[in-house]
């Protein structure tokens, strides 16, 4: 076996505080926050001497992490936040939730907007995409238990 697990997914943001607040409302917990800077970090990313503030968020089960990054140097050079859902490249992160309607209401209070509509996939899931802070595309999925299935 070559892969043990997926360690984390990274999202670059302009406002770390806003993103932390949003993902906390979704149920993730702030695991840590730090400034990563220097030539050593730039050797990994290929950006040279960089300065980036990161926040690591962890899911309630402790198995998945989301790394939020705010680049101070070098400056951000591209913006993919308004790309449609069929754009090439990394697209979105999907979260399983207990109650889709409640989650949408809570995240709506934080400025999230539904991208399309809530759909039911067979008798298995209710699904939707939302745009969170700074237009970040997020998928939400509620697994339907046998008592939820109509």
Protein backbone atom coordinates (compact mmCIF):
# COMPACT_ATOMS: atom_id res chain seq x y z
CA UNK A 1 0.00 0.00 0.00
CA UNK A 2 1.36 3.45 -0.88
CA UNK A 3 -1.24 5.79 0.69
CA UNK A 4 -2.10 5.59 4.36
CA UNK A 5 -4.81 8.27 4.31
CA UNK A 6 -5.68 11.65 2.84
CA UNK A 7 -4.16 14.06 5.36
CA UNK A 8 -5.90 17.31 4.45
CA UNK A 9 -7.34 19.50 1.74
CA UNK A 10 -6.17 23.09 1.39
CA UNK A 11 -8.16 26.21 0.54
CA UNK A 12 -6.60 29.65 0.06
CA UNK A 13 -8.73 32.48 1.47
CA UNK A 14 -8.51 36.24 1.93
CA UNK A 15 -10.02 36.27 5.43
CA UNK A 16 -8.86 33.49 7.70
CA UNK A 17 -11.17 34.62 10.52
CA UNK A 18 -14.26 34.52 8.28
CA UNK A 19 -13.37 31.07 6.94
CA UNK A 20 -12.67 29.70 10.43
CA UNK A 21 -16.00 31.04 11.66
CA UNK A 22 -17.86 29.50 8.70
CA UNK A 23 -16.29 26.06 8.97
CA UNK A 24 -16.75 26.12 12.75
CA UNK A 25 -20.47 26.68 12.17
CA UNK A 26 -20.40 23.65 9.88
CA UNK A 27 -19.01 21.61 12.78
CA UNK A 28 -15.25 21.57 12.22
CA UNK A 29 -12.99 22.47 15.13
CA UNK A 30 -9.96 24.72 14.97
CA UNK A 31 -7.00 22.43 15.66
CA UNK A 32 -4.33 25.09 15.36
CA UNK A 33 -3.26 28.32 13.73
CA UNK A 34 0.28 29.32 12.75
CA UNK A 35 2.44 31.50 10.54
CA UNK A 36 4.52 29.51 8.07
CA UNK A 37 7.31 31.53 6.54
CA UNK A 38 10.72 31.34 5.08
CA UNK A 39 12.69 29.89 2.27
CA UNK A 40 12.23 26.29 3.51
CA UNK A 41 8.45 26.52 3.05
CA UNK A 42 8.87 28.07 -0.37
CA UNK A 43 10.99 25.12 -1.46
CA UNK A 44 7.96 22.86 -0.90
CA UNK A 45 5.46 25.08 -2.74
CA UNK A 46 7.80 26.44 -5.39
CA UNK A 47 6.94 30.02 -4.40
CA UNK A 48 10.33 31.03 -3.03
CA UNK A 49 10.41 33.01 0.19
CA UNK A 50 6.81 32.86 1.37
CA UNK A 51 4.77 34.01 4.32
CA UNK A 52 1.40 32.33 4.87
CA UNK A 53 -0.89 32.12 7.87
CA UNK A 54 -2.65 28.78 8.15
CA UNK A 55 -5.46 27.37 10.24
CA UNK A 56 -6.03 23.63 10.49
CA UNK A 57 -9.66 22.59 10.96
CA UNK A 58 -10.60 19.02 11.90
CA UNK A 59 -13.86 17.18 11.33
CA UNK A 60 -15.84 15.91 14.34
CA UNK A 61 -14.71 12.32 13.73
CA UNK A 62 -11.05 13.43 13.84
CA UNK A 63 -10.21 11.74 10.53
CA UNK A 64 -10.24 14.64 8.06
CA UNK A 65 -8.65 18.06 8.06
CA UNK A 66 -9.09 21.25 6.11
CA UNK A 67 -6.10 23.59 5.87
CA UNK A 68 -7.12 27.20 5.39
CA UNK A 69 -4.31 29.45 4.13
CA UNK A 70 -3.98 33.23 3.83
CA UNK A 71 -0.97 34.20 1.74
CA UNK A 72 0.79 37.40 2.78
CA UNK A 73 3.77 36.90 0.45
CA UNK A 74 3.97 36.33 -2.37
CA UNK A 75 0.59 37.85 -3.22
CA UNK A 76 -2.22 35.68 -4.61
CA UNK A 77 -2.03 35.65 -8.43
CA UNK A 78 -5.19 33.82 -9.51
CA UNK A 79 -8.80 33.67 -8.37
CA UNK A 80 -10.93 30.61 -9.14
CA UNK A 81 -13.73 31.33 -6.66
CA UNK A 82 -16.32 32.10 -9.29
CA UNK A 83 -15.47 29.17 -11.55
CA UNK A 84 -18.52 27.07 -12.46
CA UNK A 85 -18.87 23.56 -11.06
CA UNK A 86 -17.70 22.04 -14.35
CA UNK A 87 -14.34 23.92 -14.36
CA UNK A 88 -11.16 21.85 -14.63
CA UNK A 89 -9.04 21.35 -11.54
CA UNK A 90 -9.89 20.99 -7.88
CA UNK A 91 -13.54 21.68 -7.47
CA UNK A 92 -15.00 21.41 -4.02
CA UNK A 93 -14.94 19.69 -0.69
CA UNK A 94 -17.97 17.55 0.27
CA UNK A 95 -19.19 17.18 3.84
CA UNK A 96 -21.62 14.60 5.19
CA UNK A 97 -24.18 16.26 7.47
CA UNK A 98 -26.88 14.93 9.79
CA UNK A 99 -29.61 17.40 8.81
CA UNK A 100 -29.26 19.18 5.48
CA UNK A 101 -32.07 21.68 6.07
CA UNK A 102 -30.73 22.74 9.48
CA UNK A 103 -27.19 23.01 8.11
CA UNK A 104 -28.35 25.18 5.20
CA UNK A 105 -30.24 27.46 7.56
CA UNK A 106 -27.25 27.90 9.88
CA UNK A 107 -24.80 28.43 7.02
CA UNK A 108 -27.24 30.77 5.29
CA UNK A 109 -27.00 32.98 8.37
CA UNK A 110 -23.24 33.07 7.65
CA UNK A 111 -23.81 34.18 4.05
CA UNK A 112 -23.81 30.79 2.28
CA UNK A 113 -25.87 30.62 -0.91
CA UNK A 114 -27.37 27.57 -2.58
CA UNK A 115 -25.79 27.01 -6.02
CA UNK A 116 -28.57 25.01 -7.66
CA UNK A 117 -31.16 23.15 -5.68
CA UNK A 118 -31.38 20.36 -3.13
CA UNK A 119 -31.84 17.04 -4.91
CA UNK A 120 -32.46 13.52 -3.73
CA UNK A 121 -30.30 10.80 -5.26
CA UNK A 122 -32.36 7.64 -5.36
CA UNK A 123 -33.21 6.57 -1.81
CA UNK A 124 -29.67 7.22 -0.58
CA UNK A 125 -28.82 10.93 -0.24
CA UNK A 126 -30.08 14.50 -0.27
CA UNK A 127 -27.37 16.64 -1.85
CA UNK A 128 -26.58 20.24 -2.75
CA UNK A 129 -23.76 22.64 -3.48
CA UNK A 130 -23.38 25.97 -1.71
CA UNK A 131 -21.02 28.89 -2.05
CA UNK A 132 -19.51 29.73 1.31
CA UNK A 133 -17.27 32.63 2.33
CA UNK A 134 -15.37 34.15 -0.57
CA UNK A 135 -17.31 31.94 -3.01
CA UNK A 136 -15.77 28.66 -1.82
CA UNK A 137 -17.71 25.79 -3.38
CA UNK A 138 -18.87 23.23 -0.81
CA UNK A 139 -20.94 20.09 -1.24
CA UNK A 140 -23.30 18.88 1.46
CA UNK A 141 -24.74 15.37 1.64
CA UNK A 142 -27.31 13.95 4.04
CA UNK A 143 -27.42 10.18 4.00
CA UNK A 144 -31.01 8.99 4.16
CA UNK A 145 -31.76 6.41 6.79
CA UNK A 146 -34.56 3.95 6.10
CA UNK A 147 -36.96 6.05 8.23
CA UNK A 148 -36.13 9.15 6.10
CA UNK A 149 -36.81 7.49 2.77
CA UNK A 150 -40.11 8.31 1.16
